[in-house]
Amino acid sequence: MSKKSKYSFWFIFIIALCSCKKKNDVMDEELLREKFNGKYELVAAFADKAVDMNLDGFASNDLSNEILNLNAAFVELSGSKNVRIFTQFWQEQYLLESQNIALPSVDYARQGIGFSFSFNEDLKGFNLDKTKVTEEQAERFAVPESVKLLANDLIEVVFVKLVYTGSGWKDITIKASYRKFTSIT
C-alpha cells in the first residue's frame, strides 16, 4: 500500500469515526429529550415539620392539607442540549393583612421561576444554574436545593420556603414529588 493510500485510509477512517460520534450524540440528545422533556404533575409534597399554613388551627406535614389548590403545582422540563430549562410552578403564599380584619389571612398564586440546567453524569439529577437568581427572587419563589430523577417518570424536588403559619413565620424544607403527565411543553 502506498503512502498516499495509507493517509487516505486513515483520513477516511477518522472522518467516519467523528461522523458516528456526532450521530450518536444526536440520537442520545433525542432520547434525553423524549424521556425527560414535558410537564410533571404534583404527586405529593411534605414539609420537614408540621405547619398550619391555612390557619385552621391544625398543623400537618402533608402540604396538600395546608395549601389551597396545591394540586395545580407542576414542573416543566424543556429545551435541548444547548439550552435546557427547568421550571417549577408552585403555589406561592401571600399574606393578606388589613386593618379591618383582626387576624391575617393567606392567599396563593401559582408562580414559577426557570433555571437552565444540565444533567448529572449518572442521569439521576440536575445541576441547576442559579447564578442569575436575585435575592428577591430567592425569597419569593421555590428555588430548588436539589432535583433528583427517580424511576417511573418521577422527579423529586427539595427546597426551603419561609411561610406564614398559625404560630408566625417559619422556615420549612419541602420535598415535592412530580410525575410526568405529558411530553408537550
N, C-alpha and C. Protein backbone atom coordinates (compact mmCIF):
# COMPACT_ATOMS: atom_id res chain seq x y z
N MET A 1 0.85 -1.17 0.00
CA MET A 1 0.00 0.00 0.00
C MET A 1 0.90 1.23 0.00
N SER A 2 0.58 2.15 -0.87
CA SER A 2 1.40 3.36 -0.97
C SER A 2 1.14 4.28 0.21
N LYS A 3 2.08 5.19 0.41
CA LYS A 3 1.95 6.17 1.48
C LYS A 3 0.68 7.00 1.33
N LYS A 4 0.40 7.38 0.09
CA LYS A 4 -0.79 8.20 -0.18
C LYS A 4 -2.06 7.43 0.15
N SER A 5 -2.08 6.13 -0.17
CA SER A 5 -3.25 5.30 0.12
C SER A 5 -3.45 5.15 1.63
N LYS A 6 -2.31 4.99 2.37
CA LYS A 6 -2.40 4.85 3.83
C LYS A 6 -2.99 6.12 4.45
N TYR A 7 -2.50 7.28 4.00
CA TYR A 7 -3.02 8.55 4.53
C TYR A 7 -4.50 8.71 4.20
N SER A 8 -4.85 8.34 2.97
CA SER A 8 -6.27 8.44 2.57
C SER A 8 -7.13 7.53 3.42
N PHE A 9 -6.64 6.31 3.67
CA PHE A 9 -7.39 5.36 4.50
C PHE A 9 -7.60 5.92 5.90
N TRP A 10 -6.54 6.42 6.54
CA TRP A 10 -6.65 6.95 7.90
C TRP A 10 -7.52 8.20 7.95
N PHE A 11 -7.39 9.03 6.93
CA PHE A 11 -8.22 10.24 6.87
C PHE A 11 -9.70 9.86 6.81
N ILE A 12 -10.06 8.93 5.95
CA ILE A 12 -11.45 8.49 5.80
C ILE A 12 -11.92 7.79 7.08
N PHE A 13 -11.03 6.99 7.69
CA PHE A 13 -11.36 6.28 8.92
C PHE A 13 -11.68 7.27 10.05
N ILE A 14 -10.86 8.31 10.21
CA ILE A 14 -11.06 9.31 11.26
C ILE A 14 -12.36 10.08 11.01
N ILE A 15 -12.62 10.47 9.78
CA ILE A 15 -13.86 11.18 9.43
C ILE A 15 -15.06 10.30 9.76
N ALA A 16 -14.97 9.01 9.45
CA ALA A 16 -16.08 8.10 9.73
C ALA A 16 -16.32 8.01 11.23
N LEU A 17 -15.26 7.92 12.03
CA LEU A 17 -15.40 7.87 13.48
C LEU A 17 -16.06 9.13 14.02
N CYS A 18 -15.61 10.27 13.55
CA CYS A 18 -16.20 11.54 14.01
C CYS A 18 -17.67 11.62 13.63
N SER A 19 -18.01 11.16 12.44
CA SER A 19 -19.40 11.19 12.00
C SER A 19 -20.26 10.30 12.87
N CYS A 20 -19.76 9.13 13.23
CA CYS A 20 -20.51 8.22 14.09
C CYS A 20 -20.74 8.85 15.45
N LYS A 21 -19.75 9.48 15.98
CA LYS A 21 -19.87 10.12 17.30
C LYS A 21 -20.96 11.19 17.27
N LYS A 22 -20.96 12.02 16.23
CA LYS A 22 -21.98 13.07 16.14
C LYS A 22 -23.36 12.46 16.00
N LYS A 23 -23.48 11.40 15.20
CA LYS A 23 -24.78 10.76 15.03
C LYS A 23 -25.26 10.19 16.36
N ASN A 24 -24.37 9.55 17.13
CA ASN A 24 -24.74 9.01 18.44
C ASN A 24 -25.13 10.13 19.40
N ASP A 25 -24.38 11.25 19.37
CA ASP A 25 -24.73 12.39 20.23
C ASP A 25 -26.13 12.90 19.91
N VAL A 26 -26.43 12.99 18.60
CA VAL A 26 -27.76 13.46 18.19
C VAL A 26 -28.82 12.47 18.65
N MET A 27 -28.54 11.16 18.50
CA MET A 27 -29.51 10.15 18.94
C MET A 27 -29.68 10.21 20.46
N ASP A 28 -28.56 10.34 21.20
CA ASP A 28 -28.64 10.44 22.65
C ASP A 28 -29.45 11.68 23.06
N GLU A 29 -29.24 12.78 22.37
CA GLU A 29 -29.97 14.01 22.67
C GLU A 29 -31.46 13.81 22.43
N GLU A 30 -31.81 13.14 21.34
CA GLU A 30 -33.21 12.87 21.05
C GLU A 30 -33.83 11.98 22.12
N LEU A 31 -33.08 10.98 22.58
CA LEU A 31 -33.58 10.10 23.64
C LEU A 31 -33.77 10.86 24.94
N LEU A 32 -32.82 11.72 25.30
CA LEU A 32 -32.95 12.53 26.52
C LEU A 32 -34.17 13.44 26.44
N ARG A 33 -34.35 14.08 25.30
CA ARG A 33 -35.49 14.98 25.12
C ARG A 33 -36.80 14.20 25.22
N GLU A 34 -36.85 13.04 24.56
CA GLU A 34 -38.06 12.22 24.58
C GLU A 34 -38.35 11.70 25.99
N LYS A 35 -37.32 11.29 26.71
CA LYS A 35 -37.51 10.72 28.05
C LYS A 35 -37.87 11.77 29.09
N PHE A 36 -37.24 12.95 29.04
CA PHE A 36 -37.39 13.90 30.14
C PHE A 36 -38.21 15.15 29.83
N ASN A 37 -38.18 15.68 28.61
CA ASN A 37 -38.94 16.90 28.34
C ASN A 37 -40.43 16.65 28.55
N GLY A 38 -41.08 17.64 29.15
CA GLY A 38 -42.52 17.53 29.37
C GLY A 38 -42.94 18.22 30.64
N LYS A 39 -44.19 17.98 31.00
CA LYS A 39 -44.75 18.55 32.23
C LYS A 39 -44.98 17.42 33.23
N TYR A 40 -44.74 17.76 34.50
CA TYR A 40 -44.83 16.80 35.59
C TYR A 40 -45.81 17.34 36.63
N GLU A 41 -46.85 16.55 36.95
CA GLU A 41 -47.85 16.98 37.92
C GLU A 41 -47.41 16.61 39.33
N LEU A 42 -47.85 17.38 40.29
CA LEU A 42 -47.52 17.13 41.68
C LEU A 42 -48.20 15.85 42.17
N VAL A 43 -47.42 14.98 42.78
CA VAL A 43 -47.94 13.75 43.36
C VAL A 43 -48.08 13.91 44.87
N ALA A 44 -47.06 14.50 45.50
CA ALA A 44 -47.08 14.68 46.96
C ALA A 44 -46.10 15.78 47.33
N ALA A 45 -46.38 16.46 48.44
CA ALA A 45 -45.47 17.49 48.98
C ALA A 45 -45.55 17.46 50.50
N PHE A 46 -44.40 17.25 51.12
CA PHE A 46 -44.34 17.15 52.57
C PHE A 46 -43.31 18.12 53.12
N ALA A 47 -43.62 18.72 54.26
CA ALA A 47 -42.71 19.61 54.96
C ALA A 47 -41.95 18.80 56.01
N ASP A 48 -40.78 19.31 56.38
CA ASP A 48 -39.97 18.62 57.38
C ASP A 48 -40.55 18.76 58.79
N LYS A 49 -41.50 19.67 58.97
CA LYS A 49 -42.17 19.82 60.27
C LYS A 49 -43.62 20.20 60.01
N ALA A 50 -44.47 19.85 60.95
CA ALA A 50 -45.90 20.15 60.82
C ALA A 50 -46.12 21.66 60.91
N VAL A 51 -46.91 22.19 59.99
CA VAL A 51 -47.21 23.62 59.95
C VAL A 51 -48.70 23.83 59.71
N ASP A 52 -49.22 24.95 60.19
CA ASP A 52 -50.61 25.34 59.98
C ASP A 52 -50.62 26.53 59.02
N MET A 53 -50.49 26.25 57.73
CA MET A 53 -50.41 27.32 56.73
C MET A 53 -51.77 27.85 56.33
N ASN A 54 -52.83 27.04 56.50
CA ASN A 54 -54.17 27.52 56.14
C ASN A 54 -54.89 28.15 57.32
N LEU A 55 -54.20 28.24 58.46
CA LEU A 55 -54.69 28.94 59.65
C LEU A 55 -56.01 28.38 60.18
N ASP A 56 -56.16 27.04 60.06
CA ASP A 56 -57.37 26.40 60.58
C ASP A 56 -57.17 25.85 61.98
N GLY A 57 -55.98 26.03 62.55
CA GLY A 57 -55.71 25.55 63.89
C GLY A 57 -55.12 24.15 63.96
N PHE A 58 -54.97 23.49 62.80
CA PHE A 58 -54.42 22.14 62.75
C PHE A 58 -53.16 22.13 61.88
N ALA A 59 -52.06 21.67 62.44
CA ALA A 59 -50.79 21.61 61.70
C ALA A 59 -50.64 20.24 61.04
N SER A 60 -49.97 20.21 59.90
CA SER A 60 -49.75 18.97 59.16
C SER A 60 -48.44 19.06 58.38
N ASN A 61 -47.80 17.90 58.19
CA ASN A 61 -46.64 17.82 57.31
C ASN A 61 -47.07 17.69 55.85
N ASP A 62 -48.25 17.16 55.62
CA ASP A 62 -48.78 16.97 54.27
C ASP A 62 -49.31 18.31 53.77
N LEU A 63 -48.57 18.91 52.86
CA LEU A 63 -48.91 20.27 52.41
C LEU A 63 -50.17 20.32 51.56
N SER A 64 -50.63 19.18 51.06
CA SER A 64 -51.91 19.19 50.32
C SER A 64 -53.07 19.52 51.27
N ASN A 65 -52.87 19.31 52.57
CA ASN A 65 -53.87 19.70 53.57
C ASN A 65 -53.76 21.16 53.96
N GLU A 66 -52.66 21.80 53.64
CA GLU A 66 -52.37 23.16 54.12
C GLU A 66 -52.43 24.24 53.05
N ILE A 67 -52.15 23.88 51.80
CA ILE A 67 -52.04 24.89 50.73
C ILE A 67 -53.19 24.72 49.75
N LEU A 68 -53.99 25.76 49.63
CA LEU A 68 -55.13 25.76 48.72
C LEU A 68 -54.65 25.56 47.27
N ASN A 69 -55.31 24.66 46.56
CA ASN A 69 -55.01 24.37 45.14
C ASN A 69 -53.58 23.93 44.90
N LEU A 70 -52.97 23.25 45.85
CA LEU A 70 -51.61 22.78 45.65
C LEU A 70 -51.50 21.82 44.47
N ASN A 71 -52.59 21.12 44.17
CA ASN A 71 -52.57 20.19 43.04
C ASN A 71 -52.32 20.90 41.70
N ALA A 72 -52.38 22.22 41.67
CA ALA A 72 -52.09 22.97 40.44
C ALA A 72 -50.58 23.16 40.22
N ALA A 73 -49.77 22.81 41.21
CA ALA A 73 -48.32 22.95 41.07
C ALA A 73 -47.80 21.93 40.05
N PHE A 74 -46.78 22.31 39.29
CA PHE A 74 -46.18 21.38 38.34
C PHE A 74 -44.75 21.81 38.00
N VAL A 75 -44.04 20.89 37.37
CA VAL A 75 -42.68 21.13 36.89
C VAL A 75 -42.70 20.97 35.39
N GLU A 76 -41.93 21.81 34.71
CA GLU A 76 -41.79 21.69 33.26
C GLU A 76 -40.31 21.62 32.90
N LEU A 77 -39.96 20.62 32.07
CA LEU A 77 -38.61 20.49 31.53
C LEU A 77 -38.70 20.70 30.03
N SER A 78 -37.86 21.57 29.51
CA SER A 78 -37.89 21.83 28.07
C SER A 78 -36.49 22.15 27.59
N GLY A 79 -36.37 22.25 26.28
CA GLY A 79 -35.10 22.65 25.70
C GLY A 79 -34.39 21.51 24.99
N SER A 80 -33.12 21.77 24.73
CA SER A 80 -32.27 20.82 24.02
C SER A 80 -30.89 20.86 24.66
N LYS A 81 -29.93 20.22 24.00
CA LYS A 81 -28.57 20.14 24.56
C LYS A 81 -27.98 21.51 24.85
N ASN A 82 -28.21 22.47 23.97
CA ASN A 82 -27.64 23.81 24.15
C ASN A 82 -28.27 24.58 25.29
N VAL A 83 -29.59 24.48 25.44
CA VAL A 83 -30.30 25.19 26.50
C VAL A 83 -31.40 24.29 27.03
N ARG A 84 -31.24 23.88 28.28
CA ARG A 84 -32.28 23.09 28.95
C ARG A 84 -32.86 23.96 30.06
N ILE A 85 -34.19 23.95 30.18
CA ILE A 85 -34.85 24.81 31.16
C ILE A 85 -35.68 23.95 32.11
N PHE A 86 -35.49 24.17 33.42
CA PHE A 86 -36.28 23.56 34.49
C PHE A 86 -37.11 24.68 35.10
N THR A 87 -38.43 24.52 35.17
CA THR A 87 -39.29 25.50 35.81
C THR A 87 -40.23 24.78 36.77
N GLN A 88 -40.26 25.25 38.01
CA GLN A 88 -41.20 24.71 38.99
C GLN A 88 -42.25 25.79 39.27
N PHE A 89 -43.50 25.45 38.97
CA PHE A 89 -44.62 26.35 39.24
C PHE A 89 -45.23 25.90 40.57
N TRP A 90 -45.18 26.77 41.55
CA TRP A 90 -45.57 26.44 42.92
C TRP A 90 -46.61 27.44 43.40
N GLN A 91 -47.46 27.02 44.33
CA GLN A 91 -48.45 27.91 44.93
C GLN A 91 -47.74 28.81 45.94
N GLU A 92 -47.35 29.99 45.48
CA GLU A 92 -46.63 30.92 46.35
C GLU A 92 -47.62 31.60 47.29
N GLN A 93 -47.21 31.74 48.54
CA GLN A 93 -48.08 32.26 49.60
C GLN A 93 -47.96 33.78 49.71
N TYR A 94 -49.11 34.42 49.87
CA TYR A 94 -49.16 35.86 50.09
C TYR A 94 -49.96 36.12 51.36
N LEU A 95 -49.41 36.88 52.26
CA LEU A 95 -50.08 37.23 53.50
C LEU A 95 -50.94 38.46 53.24
N LEU A 96 -52.22 38.35 53.59
CA LEU A 96 -53.16 39.45 53.41
C LEU A 96 -53.44 40.07 54.78
N GLU A 97 -53.02 41.28 54.94
CA GLU A 97 -53.26 41.97 56.21
C GLU A 97 -54.13 43.18 55.94
N SER A 98 -55.06 43.40 56.85
CA SER A 98 -55.95 44.55 56.70
C SER A 98 -56.27 45.09 58.08
N GLN A 99 -56.48 46.37 58.14
CA GLN A 99 -56.84 46.98 59.42
C GLN A 99 -58.25 46.58 59.84
N ASN A 100 -59.07 46.15 58.87
CA ASN A 100 -60.45 45.77 59.17
C ASN A 100 -60.57 44.33 59.64
N ILE A 101 -59.50 43.54 59.46
CA ILE A 101 -59.54 42.13 59.82
C ILE A 101 -58.66 41.91 61.04
N ALA A 102 -59.21 41.26 62.06
CA ALA A 102 -58.46 41.04 63.31
C ALA A 102 -57.28 40.09 63.09
N LEU A 103 -57.50 39.04 62.30
CA LEU A 103 -56.44 38.06 62.04
C LEU A 103 -56.02 38.13 60.58
N PRO A 104 -54.74 37.97 60.32
CA PRO A 104 -54.32 37.95 58.92
C PRO A 104 -54.82 36.69 58.22
N SER A 105 -54.88 36.73 56.93
CA SER A 105 -55.25 35.54 56.16
C SER A 105 -54.21 35.38 55.05
N VAL A 106 -54.25 34.24 54.39
CA VAL A 106 -53.27 33.97 53.33
C VAL A 106 -54.00 33.67 52.03
N ASP A 107 -53.31 33.94 50.95
CA ASP A 107 -53.80 33.59 49.62
C ASP A 107 -52.62 33.00 48.87
N TYR A 108 -52.90 32.32 47.76
CA TYR A 108 -51.86 31.66 46.98
C TYR A 108 -52.01 32.00 45.51
N ALA A 109 -50.88 32.07 44.84
CA ALA A 109 -50.86 32.27 43.39
C ALA A 109 -49.80 31.35 42.81
N ARG A 110 -50.18 30.60 41.78
CA ARG A 110 -49.21 29.70 41.14
C ARG A 110 -48.22 30.54 40.35
N GLN A 111 -46.97 30.46 40.74
CA GLN A 111 -45.91 31.22 40.09
C GLN A 111 -44.67 30.35 39.99
N GLY A 112 -43.78 30.72 39.10
CA GLY A 112 -42.58 29.92 38.96
C GLY A 112 -41.40 30.72 38.46
N ILE A 113 -40.27 30.08 38.53
CA ILE A 113 -39.03 30.68 38.05
C ILE A 113 -38.26 29.57 37.34
N GLY A 114 -37.65 29.93 36.23
CA GLY A 114 -36.92 28.95 35.44
C GLY A 114 -35.42 29.01 35.66
N PHE A 115 -34.79 27.87 35.45
CA PHE A 115 -33.34 27.74 35.58
C PHE A 115 -32.82 26.94 34.39
N SER A 116 -31.69 27.34 33.87
CA SER A 116 -31.04 26.45 32.92
C SER A 116 -30.40 25.34 33.75
N PHE A 117 -30.26 24.17 33.13
CA PHE A 117 -29.71 23.04 33.88
C PHE A 117 -28.96 22.10 32.94
N SER A 118 -28.16 21.26 33.56
CA SER A 118 -27.52 20.16 32.85
C SER A 118 -27.75 18.90 33.67
N PHE A 119 -27.77 17.77 33.00
CA PHE A 119 -27.94 16.51 33.70
C PHE A 119 -26.65 16.13 34.42
N ASN A 120 -26.79 15.48 35.57
CA ASN A 120 -25.63 14.86 36.21
C ASN A 120 -25.16 13.74 35.28
N GLU A 121 -23.91 13.36 35.41
CA GLU A 121 -23.38 12.31 34.53
C GLU A 121 -24.14 11.00 34.65
N ASP A 122 -24.64 10.68 35.85
CA ASP A 122 -25.36 9.42 36.05
C ASP A 122 -26.85 9.53 35.70
N LEU A 123 -27.29 10.69 35.23
CA LEU A 123 -28.69 10.95 34.86
C LEU A 123 -29.66 10.72 36.02
N LYS A 124 -29.19 10.97 37.24
CA LYS A 124 -30.06 10.81 38.41
C LYS A 124 -30.40 12.15 39.04
N GLY A 125 -29.99 13.24 38.42
CA GLY A 125 -30.28 14.55 38.95
C GLY A 125 -29.86 15.64 37.99
N PHE A 126 -30.02 16.88 38.43
CA PHE A 126 -29.70 18.05 37.63
C PHE A 126 -28.69 18.92 38.35
N ASN A 127 -27.95 19.67 37.58
CA ASN A 127 -27.16 20.77 38.09
C ASN A 127 -27.87 22.03 37.62
N LEU A 128 -28.53 22.73 38.54
CA LEU A 128 -29.26 23.95 38.19
C LEU A 128 -28.32 25.14 38.22
N ASP A 129 -28.46 26.02 37.25
CA ASP A 129 -27.68 27.26 37.23
C ASP A 129 -28.49 28.34 37.94
N LYS A 130 -28.09 28.64 39.18
CA LYS A 130 -28.81 29.62 40.00
C LYS A 130 -28.08 30.96 40.05
N THR A 131 -27.09 31.16 39.18
CA THR A 131 -26.27 32.36 39.24
C THR A 131 -27.06 33.63 38.92
N LYS A 132 -28.16 33.51 38.20
CA LYS A 132 -28.92 34.70 37.81
C LYS A 132 -30.12 34.97 38.72
N VAL A 133 -30.26 34.19 39.79
CA VAL A 133 -31.37 34.36 40.74
C VAL A 133 -31.03 35.49 41.69
N THR A 134 -31.89 36.49 41.74
CA THR A 134 -31.68 37.61 42.66
C THR A 134 -32.10 37.20 44.07
N GLU A 135 -31.68 37.97 45.06
CA GLU A 135 -32.07 37.71 46.44
C GLU A 135 -33.59 37.80 46.60
N GLU A 136 -34.19 38.76 45.93
CA GLU A 136 -35.65 38.92 45.98
C GLU A 136 -36.36 37.71 45.38
N GLN A 137 -35.86 37.21 44.26
CA GLN A 137 -36.45 36.02 43.65
C GLN A 137 -36.29 34.80 44.55
N ALA A 138 -35.13 34.66 45.17
CA ALA A 138 -34.86 33.52 46.05
C ALA A 138 -35.81 33.54 47.25
N GLU A 139 -36.17 34.73 47.74
CA GLU A 139 -37.10 34.83 48.87
C GLU A 139 -38.53 34.54 48.44
N ARG A 140 -38.90 34.92 47.24
CA ARG A 140 -40.29 34.82 46.78
C ARG A 140 -40.61 33.43 46.19
N PHE A 141 -39.72 32.88 45.38
CA PHE A 141 -40.04 31.68 44.61
C PHE A 141 -39.41 30.43 45.21
N ALA A 142 -39.95 29.29 44.80
CA ALA A 142 -39.45 27.99 45.24
C ALA A 142 -38.17 27.67 44.47
N VAL A 143 -37.03 28.00 45.06
CA VAL A 143 -35.73 27.75 44.42
C VAL A 143 -35.21 26.40 44.92
N PRO A 144 -35.10 25.42 44.04
CA PRO A 144 -34.69 24.08 44.48
C PRO A 144 -33.27 24.03 45.04
N GLU A 145 -33.14 23.25 46.10
CA GLU A 145 -31.81 22.91 46.62
C GLU A 145 -31.28 21.70 45.89
N SER A 146 -32.19 20.78 45.55
CA SER A 146 -31.79 19.58 44.79
C SER A 146 -32.95 19.10 43.94
N VAL A 147 -32.58 18.44 42.84
CA VAL A 147 -33.56 17.82 41.95
C VAL A 147 -33.03 16.43 41.62
N LYS A 148 -33.84 15.40 41.92
CA LYS A 148 -33.44 14.02 41.63
C LYS A 148 -34.41 13.42 40.63
N LEU A 149 -33.86 12.63 39.71
CA LEU A 149 -34.67 11.88 38.77
C LEU A 149 -34.85 10.48 39.34
N LEU A 150 -36.08 10.08 39.54
CA LEU A 150 -36.40 8.77 40.12
C LEU A 150 -36.99 7.87 39.03
N ALA A 151 -37.22 6.63 39.37
CA ALA A 151 -37.82 5.68 38.43
C ALA A 151 -39.26 6.08 38.13
N ASN A 152 -39.81 5.50 37.08
CA ASN A 152 -41.23 5.66 36.72
C ASN A 152 -41.62 7.11 36.44
N ASP A 153 -40.75 7.86 35.76
CA ASP A 153 -41.04 9.24 35.35
C ASP A 153 -41.32 10.17 36.53
N LEU A 154 -40.67 9.93 37.67
CA LEU A 154 -40.83 10.77 38.84
C LEU A 154 -39.63 11.69 39.02
N ILE A 155 -39.91 12.89 39.50
CA ILE A 155 -38.87 13.87 39.84
C ILE A 155 -39.11 14.27 41.30
N GLU A 156 -38.03 14.34 42.07
CA GLU A 156 -38.13 14.81 43.46
C GLU A 156 -37.39 16.13 43.58
N VAL A 157 -38.09 17.14 44.09
CA VAL A 157 -37.52 18.48 44.24
C VAL A 157 -37.53 18.83 45.73
N VAL A 158 -36.39 19.30 46.23
CA VAL A 158 -36.29 19.72 47.63
C VAL A 158 -35.96 21.21 47.64
N PHE A 159 -36.73 21.98 48.42
CA PHE A 159 -36.49 23.42 48.52
C PHE A 159 -36.92 23.93 49.89
N VAL A 160 -36.39 25.09 50.26
CA VAL A 160 -36.69 25.71 51.55
C VAL A 160 -37.56 26.93 51.29
N LYS A 161 -38.61 27.09 52.11
CA LYS A 161 -39.50 28.25 51.98
C LYS A 161 -39.73 28.87 53.35
N LEU A 162 -39.85 30.17 53.36
CA LEU A 162 -40.31 30.91 54.54
C LEU A 162 -41.81 31.06 54.36
N VAL A 163 -42.58 30.51 55.30
CA VAL A 163 -44.04 30.52 55.17
C VAL A 163 -44.68 31.10 56.42
N TYR A 164 -45.86 31.66 56.23
CA TYR A 164 -46.63 32.18 57.35
C TYR A 164 -47.53 31.06 57.86
N THR A 165 -47.52 30.86 59.18
CA THR A 165 -48.33 29.80 59.81
C THR A 165 -49.13 30.40 60.95
N GLY A 166 -49.94 29.56 61.57
CA GLY A 166 -50.73 30.00 62.72
C GLY A 166 -49.88 30.44 63.90
N SER A 167 -48.61 30.04 63.92
CA SER A 167 -47.72 30.46 65.00
C SER A 167 -46.60 31.38 64.49
N GLY A 168 -46.86 32.07 63.38
CA GLY A 168 -45.89 33.02 62.86
C GLY A 168 -45.09 32.48 61.67
N TRP A 169 -44.03 33.20 61.32
CA TRP A 169 -43.20 32.84 60.18
C TRP A 169 -42.29 31.66 60.51
N LYS A 170 -42.20 30.70 59.58
CA LYS A 170 -41.38 29.50 59.77
C LYS A 170 -40.63 29.17 58.48
N ASP A 171 -39.38 28.75 58.64
CA ASP A 171 -38.64 28.17 57.52
C ASP A 171 -38.94 26.68 57.51
N ILE A 172 -39.35 26.16 56.35
CA ILE A 172 -39.59 24.72 56.24
C ILE A 172 -38.85 24.20 55.01
N THR A 173 -38.45 22.95 55.09
CA THR A 173 -37.88 22.26 53.94
C THR A 173 -38.98 21.40 53.35
N ILE A 174 -39.20 21.56 52.06
CA ILE A 174 -40.28 20.86 51.37
C ILE A 174 -39.67 19.85 50.41
N LYS A 175 -40.23 18.63 50.44
CA LYS A 175 -39.87 17.60 49.48
C LYS A 175 -41.11 17.34 48.64
N ALA A 176 -41.03 17.69 47.36
CA ALA A 176 -42.17 17.53 46.45
C ALA A 176 -41.84 16.51 45.38
N SER A 177 -42.79 15.62 45.09
CA SER A 177 -42.63 14.61 44.05
C SER A 177 -43.59 14.91 42.91
N TYR A 178 -43.07 14.78 41.70
CA TYR A 178 -43.85 15.07 40.49
C TYR A 178 -43.76 13.87 39.54
N ARG A 179 -44.86 13.60 38.82
CA ARG A 179 -44.89 12.52 37.82
C ARG A 179 -45.21 13.12 36.45
N LYS A 180 -44.48 12.66 35.45
CA LYS A 180 -44.67 13.15 34.08
C LYS A 180 -46.07 12.80 33.59
N PHE A 181 -46.77 13.82 33.04
CA PHE A 181 -48.10 13.55 32.50
C PHE A 181 -48.23 13.93 31.03
N THR A 182 -47.25 14.64 30.49
CA THR A 182 -47.26 14.92 29.06
C THR A 182 -45.85 15.27 28.60
N SER A 183 -45.58 14.96 27.34
CA SER A 183 -44.29 15.33 26.74
C SER A 183 -44.37 16.68 26.06
N ILE A 184 -45.55 17.25 26.00
CA ILE A 184 -45.74 18.54 25.33
C ILE A 184 -45.35 19.66 26.28
N THR A 185 -44.52 20.59 25.78
CA THR A 185 -44.12 21.74 26.61
C THR A 185 -44.54 23.03 25.94
